[in-house]
């Protein structure tokens, strides 16, 4: 049985891990300069990634890659002392992730098909059905396009406002937008999979998994 207090604590940790790098960067950049802002955000980002790994979240073998990325991005930001370069790396990385996501559709299993069951524990019969493969492939493409759209939004916003404004507005807009996108994906998946024998609904699957954890 899972302890609800641990779930609440884990969610709280994730929220802080998302907010603290932004707050650290804004404060340190304003009072001490870009270099210290980059260093503070990078160190907290590494701390957050390691914390997620220790909590058993799905990072695993990608942990060294994520840490290396944060370090390299931070070092480049410090060396160049350029806001455009530092944030440009993040925006460019997001666009490359979009390309990589779409590319997986042409492999044996798309990205969403490969990892969806870690989020929603569909049984093997459902995951092996052609309808499931088609639906997850489409979601993978949508996820890739979403990366392109948000990258374009980031570029436009960065050019229109200050660095502080960019970070604050991106955060305030990004969270609700991502929530709407995730809910839309769930409703699409729920509708697309109705033709699979034995499948009830995405939301019932989530409820059953939650009852088992408790």
Protein backbone atom coordinates (compact mmCIF):
# COMPACT_ATOMS: atom_id res chain seq x y z
CA UNK A 1 0.00 0.00 0.00
CA UNK A 2 1.35 3.43 -0.95
CA UNK A 3 1.52 6.15 1.63
CA UNK A 4 -0.48 9.18 0.33
CA UNK A 5 1.89 11.43 2.22
CA UNK A 6 4.78 10.14 0.11
CA UNK A 7 2.83 10.89 -3.09
CA UNK A 8 2.16 14.43 -1.88
CA UNK A 9 5.81 14.88 -0.91
CA UNK A 10 6.95 13.56 -4.30
CA UNK A 11 4.64 15.97 -6.16
CA UNK A 12 5.87 18.83 -3.98
CA UNK A 13 9.49 17.93 -4.77
CA UNK A 14 8.76 17.91 -8.51
CA UNK A 15 7.08 21.32 -8.30
CA UNK A 16 10.04 22.80 -6.46
CA UNK A 17 12.48 21.17 -8.87
CA UNK A 18 10.67 22.95 -11.71
CA UNK A 19 10.42 26.35 -10.01
CA UNK A 20 13.73 26.69 -8.17
CA UNK A 21 16.04 26.81 -11.23
CA UNK A 22 13.90 29.64 -12.63
CA UNK A 23 13.81 31.56 -9.35
CA UNK A 24 17.55 31.03 -8.77
CA UNK A 25 18.40 32.25 -12.24
CA UNK A 26 16.24 35.38 -11.94
CA UNK A 27 17.60 36.36 -8.51
CA UNK A 28 21.27 35.54 -9.17
CA UNK A 29 21.22 37.08 -12.65
CA UNK A 30 19.67 40.29 -11.36
CA UNK A 31 22.04 40.80 -8.42
CA UNK A 32 25.26 39.04 -9.48
CA UNK A 33 25.11 38.66 -13.27
CA UNK A 34 24.42 36.04 -15.91
CA UNK A 35 27.30 33.74 -14.98
CA UNK A 36 26.03 33.21 -11.43
CA UNK A 37 22.48 32.81 -12.70
CA UNK A 38 23.61 30.05 -15.05
CA UNK A 39 25.67 28.35 -12.33
CA UNK A 40 22.81 28.42 -9.82
CA UNK A 41 20.23 27.10 -12.28
CA UNK A 42 22.60 24.39 -13.53
CA UNK A 43 23.49 23.13 -10.05
CA UNK A 44 19.86 22.97 -8.99
CA UNK A 45 18.96 21.25 -12.26
CA UNK A 46 21.55 18.54 -11.56
CA UNK A 47 20.25 18.21 -7.99
CA UNK A 48 16.70 17.82 -9.33
CA UNK A 49 17.68 15.13 -11.85
CA UNK A 50 19.57 13.13 -9.20
CA UNK A 51 16.63 13.52 -6.80
CA UNK A 52 14.20 12.15 -9.37
CA UNK A 53 16.51 9.20 -9.95
CA UNK A 54 16.67 8.45 -6.22
CA UNK A 55 12.87 8.64 -5.97
CA UNK A 56 12.68 5.89 -8.59
CA UNK A 57 11.26 8.03 -11.39
CA UNK A 58 11.83 6.98 -14.98
CA UNK A 59 15.32 8.34 -15.66
CA UNK A 60 17.56 5.29 -15.23
CA UNK A 61 20.19 5.03 -17.93
CA UNK A 62 19.46 8.56 -19.14
CA UNK A 63 20.78 10.06 -15.90
CA UNK A 64 24.39 10.54 -17.16
CA UNK A 65 23.09 12.03 -20.42
CA UNK A 66 20.85 14.53 -18.63
CA UNK A 67 23.60 15.58 -16.23
CA UNK A 68 26.11 15.92 -19.09
CA UNK A 69 23.63 18.07 -21.02
CA UNK A 70 23.05 20.37 -18.04
CA UNK A 71 26.80 20.70 -17.41
CA UNK A 72 27.68 21.36 -21.06
CA UNK A 73 24.88 23.90 -21.44
CA UNK A 74 25.93 25.62 -18.22
CA UNK A 75 29.60 25.72 -19.22
CA UNK A 76 28.77 27.19 -22.62
CA UNK A 77 26.53 29.76 -20.96
CA UNK A 78 29.32 30.76 -18.56
CA UNK A 79 32.01 30.90 -21.27
CA UNK A 80 29.93 32.93 -23.72
CA UNK A 81 28.27 35.05 -21.01
CA UNK A 82 25.37 35.33 -23.45
CA UNK A 83 21.69 35.03 -22.57
CA UNK A 84 20.83 34.33 -26.21
CA UNK A 85 23.32 31.44 -26.39
CA UNK A 86 22.29 29.93 -23.05
CA UNK A 87 18.56 29.99 -23.75
CA UNK A 88 19.10 29.27 -27.44
CA UNK A 89 20.66 25.93 -26.52
CA UNK A 90 17.51 24.98 -24.60
CA UNK A 91 15.22 26.09 -27.41
CA UNK A 92 17.30 24.28 -30.02
CA UNK A 93 17.36 21.13 -27.91
CA UNK A 94 13.58 21.21 -27.68
CA UNK A 95 13.30 21.37 -31.48
CA UNK A 96 15.78 18.48 -31.86
CA UNK A 97 13.68 16.43 -29.44
CA UNK A 98 10.72 17.08 -31.76
CA UNK A 99 12.70 15.72 -34.71
CA UNK A 100 13.79 12.68 -32.69
CA UNK A 101 10.23 11.95 -31.56
CA UNK A 102 8.86 12.00 -35.09
CA UNK A 103 11.78 9.88 -36.32
CA UNK A 104 10.83 7.08 -33.90
CA UNK A 105 7.55 6.63 -35.80
CA UNK A 106 9.60 5.04 -38.60
CA UNK A 107 11.21 2.53 -36.23
CA UNK A 108 9.68 -0.68 -34.86
CA UNK A 109 8.02 1.19 -32.00
CA UNK A 110 7.29 4.87 -31.67
CA UNK A 111 8.40 6.74 -28.58
CA UNK A 112 4.91 6.87 -27.02
CA UNK A 113 4.29 3.18 -27.74
CA UNK A 114 7.61 2.29 -26.11
CA UNK A 115 7.04 4.23 -22.89
CA UNK A 116 3.27 4.77 -22.50
CA UNK A 117 2.79 1.71 -20.27
CA UNK A 118 5.07 3.27 -17.64
CA UNK A 119 2.50 6.06 -17.31
CA UNK A 120 -0.71 4.14 -18.03
CA UNK A 121 -0.33 0.41 -17.27
CA UNK A 122 -2.21 -1.10 -20.22
CA UNK A 123 -2.04 -4.88 -20.32
CA UNK A 124 -0.05 -6.70 -22.98
CA UNK A 125 -3.12 -7.60 -25.06
CA UNK A 126 -4.00 -3.93 -25.45
CA UNK A 127 -0.42 -2.88 -26.16
CA UNK A 128 -0.06 -5.53 -28.84
CA UNK A 129 -3.11 -4.42 -30.82
CA UNK A 130 -2.67 -2.55 -34.11
CA UNK A 131 -5.09 0.18 -33.04
CA UNK A 132 -2.87 0.90 -30.03
CA UNK A 133 0.21 1.09 -32.26
CA UNK A 134 -1.49 3.52 -34.64
CA UNK A 135 -2.82 5.71 -31.83
CA UNK A 136 0.53 5.92 -30.04
CA UNK A 137 2.31 6.67 -33.33
CA UNK A 138 -0.03 9.59 -33.93
CA UNK A 139 0.51 10.84 -30.39
CA UNK A 140 4.26 10.65 -30.96
CA UNK A 141 3.95 12.83 -34.05
CA UNK A 142 1.72 15.26 -32.16
CA UNK A 143 4.28 15.41 -29.35
CA UNK A 144 7.02 16.18 -31.87
CA UNK A 145 4.98 18.94 -33.49
CA UNK A 146 4.23 20.33 -30.02
CA UNK A 147 7.99 20.66 -29.47
CA UNK A 148 8.29 22.70 -32.67
CA UNK A 149 5.36 24.93 -31.72
CA UNK A 150 6.69 25.62 -28.23
CA UNK A 151 10.19 26.25 -29.64
CA UNK A 152 8.77 28.87 -32.02
CA UNK A 153 6.81 30.41 -29.13
CA UNK A 154 9.99 30.53 -27.01
CA UNK A 155 11.93 32.30 -29.77
CA UNK A 156 9.18 34.89 -30.28
CA UNK A 157 8.78 35.49 -26.55
CA UNK A 158 12.53 35.80 -25.96
CA UNK A 159 12.72 38.52 -28.61
CA UNK A 160 9.73 40.42 -27.25
CA UNK A 161 10.59 40.74 -23.57
CA UNK A 162 13.37 40.77 -20.96
CA UNK A 163 14.98 37.58 -19.70
CA UNK A 164 13.01 37.79 -16.45
CA UNK A 165 9.79 38.36 -18.38
CA UNK A 166 10.63 35.49 -20.71
CA UNK A 167 11.10 33.04 -17.85
CA UNK A 168 8.04 34.16 -15.90
CA UNK A 169 5.66 34.30 -18.88
CA UNK A 170 6.94 31.01 -20.30
CA UNK A 171 6.33 29.32 -16.95
CA UNK A 172 2.88 30.83 -16.40
CA UNK A 173 1.75 29.94 -19.92
CA UNK A 174 3.61 26.65 -20.21
CA UNK A 175 2.07 24.79 -17.27
CA UNK A 176 -1.61 25.28 -18.18
CA UNK A 177 -0.83 24.75 -21.88
CA UNK A 178 0.94 21.47 -21.11
CA UNK A 179 -1.95 20.38 -18.87
CA UNK A 180 -4.47 21.05 -21.65
CA UNK A 181 -2.27 19.19 -24.15
CA UNK A 182 -1.94 16.15 -21.88
CA UNK A 183 -5.68 16.03 -21.21
CA UNK A 184 -6.36 16.33 -24.93
CA UNK A 185 -3.97 13.44 -25.62
CA UNK A 186 -5.71 11.28 -23.00
CA UNK A 187 -9.16 11.97 -24.45
CA UNK A 188 -7.88 11.23 -27.96
CA UNK A 189 -6.28 7.97 -26.81
CA UNK A 190 -9.45 6.98 -24.97
CA UNK A 191 -11.54 7.49 -28.10
CA UNK A 192 -9.06 5.94 -30.54
CA UNK A 193 -8.73 2.70 -28.55
CA UNK A 194 -12.45 1.89 -28.29
CA UNK A 195 -12.12 -0.72 -31.02
CA UNK A 196 -9.67 -2.85 -29.00
CA UNK A 197 -11.38 -5.95 -27.53
CA UNK A 198 -11.45 -5.88 -23.74
CA UNK A 199 -10.47 -2.23 -23.49
CA UNK A 200 -12.75 -0.11 -21.29
CA UNK A 201 -11.23 3.34 -20.94
CA UNK A 202 -7.98 5.11 -20.23
CA UNK A 203 -9.40 6.66 -17.09
CA UNK A 204 -10.66 3.35 -15.72
CA UNK A 205 -7.21 1.86 -16.31
CA UNK A 206 -5.69 4.71 -14.31
CA UNK A 207 -8.22 4.24 -11.51
CA UNK A 208 -7.52 0.50 -11.32
CA UNK A 209 -3.78 1.13 -11.18
CA UNK A 210 -4.29 3.67 -8.41
CA UNK A 211 -6.40 1.21 -6.38
CA UNK A 212 -3.69 -1.44 -6.71
CA UNK A 213 -1.03 0.98 -5.49
CA UNK A 214 -3.14 1.79 -2.42
